Amino acid sequence: MRLPRGYREPEEIYTVEWLDGEGRSLGQAGGFFSLQAAEACLSELAAGAGSGELFINTIVVHDRLEDWRWDR
């Protein structure tokens, strides 16, 4: 497959988010460039006094709209 000129691979970021009782995100507790950092944050928050369920959400981020269009 030939990629268009100037194409840039997307980056992945990892957010630690709270879930409500119905599985909806209540908000982001932190965002990280590495899965390891997100897992460490998740463990730290889970050990604390927080309430609700935590999960790690993986988000793909593109620099340019053209790159996003190509990956769709």
N, C-alpha and C. Protein backbone atom coordinates (compact mmCIF):
# COMPACT_ATOMS: atom_id res chain seq x y z
N MET A 1 0.85 -1.17 0.00
CA MET A 1 0.00 0.00 0.00
C MET A 1 0.90 1.24 0.00
N ARG A 2 0.54 2.18 -0.82
CA ARG A 2 1.30 3.42 -0.91
C ARG A 2 0.58 4.51 -0.13
N LEU A 3 1.31 5.11 0.81
CA LEU A 3 0.74 6.17 1.62
C LEU A 3 0.89 7.51 0.91
N PRO A 4 -0.04 8.43 1.15
CA PRO A 4 0.06 9.74 0.50
C PRO A 4 1.29 10.51 1.00
N ARG A 5 1.77 11.38 0.18
CA ARG A 5 2.94 12.18 0.52
C ARG A 5 2.68 13.01 1.78
N GLY A 6 3.64 12.99 2.68
CA GLY A 6 3.52 13.76 3.92
C GLY A 6 2.73 13.09 5.02
N TYR A 7 2.25 11.87 4.77
CA TYR A 7 1.45 11.15 5.77
C TYR A 7 2.24 10.99 7.06
N ARG A 8 1.57 11.20 8.19
CA ARG A 8 2.17 11.00 9.51
C ARG A 8 1.34 9.99 10.28
N GLU A 9 2.01 9.00 10.82
CA GLU A 9 1.34 7.99 11.64
C GLU A 9 0.68 8.66 12.85
N PRO A 10 -0.51 8.21 13.23
CA PRO A 10 -1.14 8.77 14.43
C PRO A 10 -0.43 8.28 15.69
N GLU A 11 -0.60 9.01 16.75
CA GLU A 11 -0.07 8.61 18.05
C GLU A 11 -1.22 8.07 18.88
N GLU A 12 -0.89 7.22 19.83
CA GLU A 12 -1.88 6.72 20.77
C GLU A 12 -1.62 7.37 22.11
N ILE A 13 -2.69 7.80 22.74
CA ILE A 13 -2.61 8.27 24.12
C ILE A 13 -3.56 7.42 24.94
N TYR A 14 -3.32 7.40 26.23
CA TYR A 14 -4.09 6.57 27.14
C TYR A 14 -4.65 7.45 28.24
N THR A 15 -5.96 7.43 28.39
CA THR A 15 -6.59 8.21 29.45
C THR A 15 -7.15 7.27 30.50
N VAL A 16 -7.03 7.68 31.75
CA VAL A 16 -7.65 6.96 32.86
C VAL A 16 -8.94 7.70 33.15
N GLU A 17 -10.05 6.98 33.08
CA GLU A 17 -11.37 7.62 33.22
C GLU A 17 -12.22 6.89 34.26
N TRP A 18 -13.13 7.65 34.83
CA TRP A 18 -14.11 7.10 35.77
C TRP A 18 -15.36 6.71 35.01
N LEU A 19 -15.98 5.61 35.41
CA LEU A 19 -17.26 5.18 34.84
C LEU A 19 -18.35 5.31 35.88
N ASP A 20 -19.56 5.66 35.42
CA ASP A 20 -20.70 5.63 36.32
C ASP A 20 -21.28 4.21 36.34
N GLY A 21 -22.34 4.02 37.05
CA GLY A 21 -22.96 2.71 37.18
C GLY A 21 -23.52 2.15 35.89
N GLU A 22 -23.72 3.01 34.89
CA GLU A 22 -24.26 2.57 33.60
C GLU A 22 -23.20 2.46 32.51
N GLY A 23 -21.92 2.58 32.90
CA GLY A 23 -20.83 2.41 31.94
C GLY A 23 -20.46 3.65 31.14
N ARG A 24 -20.98 4.81 31.54
CA ARG A 24 -20.63 6.06 30.85
C ARG A 24 -19.46 6.74 31.55
N SER A 25 -18.63 7.39 30.76
CA SER A 25 -17.47 8.08 31.32
C SER A 25 -17.93 9.31 32.09
N LEU A 26 -17.42 9.45 33.31
CA LEU A 26 -17.71 10.62 34.13
C LEU A 26 -16.64 11.68 34.00
N GLY A 27 -15.55 11.33 33.35
CA GLY A 27 -14.47 12.29 33.18
C GLY A 27 -13.11 11.62 33.26
N GLN A 28 -12.13 12.40 32.91
CA GLN A 28 -10.76 11.92 32.81
C GLN A 28 -9.99 12.24 34.08
N ALA A 29 -9.32 11.24 34.62
CA ALA A 29 -8.47 11.45 35.79
C ALA A 29 -7.04 11.79 35.37
N GLY A 30 -6.64 11.35 34.17
CA GLY A 30 -5.29 11.63 33.68
C GLY A 30 -5.12 11.13 32.27
N GLY A 31 -4.17 11.69 31.54
CA GLY A 31 -3.87 11.28 30.18
C GLY A 31 -2.37 11.09 30.02
N PHE A 32 -1.96 10.03 29.30
CA PHE A 32 -0.55 9.66 29.23
C PHE A 32 -0.18 9.19 27.83
N PHE A 33 1.11 9.33 27.50
CA PHE A 33 1.62 8.85 26.23
C PHE A 33 2.01 7.37 26.29
N SER A 34 2.12 6.80 27.49
CA SER A 34 2.47 5.38 27.58
C SER A 34 1.41 4.62 28.37
N LEU A 35 1.20 3.39 27.95
CA LEU A 35 0.26 2.52 28.64
C LEU A 35 0.73 2.23 30.06
N GLN A 36 2.03 2.09 30.23
CA GLN A 36 2.58 1.80 31.55
C GLN A 36 2.26 2.92 32.55
N ALA A 37 2.36 4.17 32.11
CA ALA A 37 2.05 5.29 33.00
C ALA A 37 0.56 5.30 33.33
N ALA A 38 -0.28 5.01 32.35
CA ALA A 38 -1.73 4.96 32.59
C ALA A 38 -2.07 3.84 33.57
N GLU A 39 -1.43 2.69 33.41
CA GLU A 39 -1.68 1.58 34.33
C GLU A 39 -1.24 1.91 35.75
N ALA A 40 -0.11 2.62 35.88
CA ALA A 40 0.36 3.04 37.21
C ALA A 40 -0.63 4.01 37.84
N CYS A 41 -1.15 4.95 37.05
CA CYS A 41 -2.15 5.90 37.54
C CYS A 41 -3.42 5.16 37.97
N LEU A 42 -3.86 4.23 37.17
CA LEU A 42 -5.06 3.45 37.48
C LEU A 42 -4.88 2.72 38.80
N SER A 43 -3.72 2.09 38.99
CA SER A 43 -3.45 1.36 40.23
C SER A 43 -3.44 2.29 41.43
N GLU A 44 -2.82 3.44 41.27
CA GLU A 44 -2.75 4.41 42.36
C GLU A 44 -4.13 4.92 42.75
N LEU A 45 -4.94 5.24 41.76
CA LEU A 45 -6.30 5.73 42.04
C LEU A 45 -7.18 4.64 42.63
N ALA A 46 -7.04 3.42 42.13
CA ALA A 46 -7.85 2.30 42.63
C ALA A 46 -7.53 2.01 44.09
N ALA A 47 -6.29 2.24 44.50
CA ALA A 47 -5.89 2.00 45.88
C ALA A 47 -6.34 3.12 46.82
N GLY A 48 -6.71 4.27 46.24
CA GLY A 48 -7.11 5.42 47.04
C GLY A 48 -8.57 5.35 47.47
N ALA A 49 -9.06 6.45 47.87
CA ALA A 49 -10.41 6.53 48.42
C ALA A 49 -11.45 6.89 47.37
N GLY A 50 -11.11 6.79 46.08
CA GLY A 50 -12.06 7.18 45.04
C GLY A 50 -13.25 6.25 44.97
N SER A 51 -14.30 6.74 44.36
CA SER A 51 -15.49 5.91 44.17
C SER A 51 -15.76 5.77 42.69
N GLY A 52 -16.38 4.69 42.32
CA GLY A 52 -16.68 4.44 40.92
C GLY A 52 -15.64 3.53 40.30
N GLU A 53 -15.94 3.08 39.11
CA GLU A 53 -15.06 2.17 38.40
C GLU A 53 -14.12 2.96 37.49
N LEU A 54 -12.89 2.48 37.37
CA LEU A 54 -11.88 3.12 36.53
C LEU A 54 -11.58 2.24 35.32
N PHE A 55 -11.21 2.87 34.21
CA PHE A 55 -10.76 2.12 33.04
C PHE A 55 -9.77 2.95 32.25
N ILE A 56 -9.03 2.28 31.37
CA ILE A 56 -8.08 2.96 30.49
C ILE A 56 -8.69 3.01 29.10
N ASN A 57 -8.75 4.20 28.55
CA ASN A 57 -9.29 4.43 27.21
C ASN A 57 -8.12 4.77 26.29
N THR A 58 -8.01 4.05 25.17
CA THR A 58 -6.97 4.33 24.19
C THR A 58 -7.53 5.24 23.11
N ILE A 59 -6.82 6.34 22.84
CA ILE A 59 -7.28 7.34 21.88
C ILE A 59 -6.19 7.52 20.82
N VAL A 60 -6.60 7.45 19.56
CA VAL A 60 -5.68 7.68 18.44
C VAL A 60 -5.77 9.15 18.06
N VAL A 61 -4.60 9.81 17.97
CA VAL A 61 -4.55 11.24 17.70
C VAL A 61 -3.76 11.48 16.42
N HIS A 62 -4.37 12.21 15.50
CA HIS A 62 -3.72 12.58 14.24
C HIS A 62 -3.26 14.03 14.31
N ASP A 63 -2.13 14.30 13.65
CA ASP A 63 -1.65 15.69 13.56
C ASP A 63 -2.47 16.50 12.57
N ARG A 64 -2.88 15.84 11.48
CA ARG A 64 -3.54 16.57 10.40
C ARG A 64 -4.84 15.88 9.99
N LEU A 65 -5.79 16.64 9.54
CA LEU A 65 -7.06 16.11 9.07
C LEU A 65 -6.85 15.17 7.89
N GLU A 66 -5.91 15.48 7.02
CA GLU A 66 -5.65 14.63 5.86
C GLU A 66 -5.23 13.21 6.27
N ASP A 67 -4.42 13.12 7.33
CA ASP A 67 -3.99 11.81 7.81
C ASP A 67 -5.17 11.04 8.40
N TRP A 68 -6.03 11.72 9.11
CA TRP A 68 -7.22 11.08 9.66
C TRP A 68 -8.10 10.55 8.55
N ARG A 69 -8.30 11.34 7.49
CA ARG A 69 -9.12 10.90 6.35
C ARG A 69 -8.54 9.64 5.73
N TRP A 70 -7.21 9.58 5.62
CA TRP A 70 -6.57 8.42 5.01
C TRP A 70 -6.79 7.16 5.86
N ASP A 71 -6.80 7.30 7.16
CA ASP A 71 -6.93 6.14 8.07
C ASP A 71 -8.37 5.68 8.28
N ARG A 72 -9.32 6.45 7.79
CA ARG A 72 -10.73 6.08 8.03
C ARG A 72 -11.14 4.85 7.33
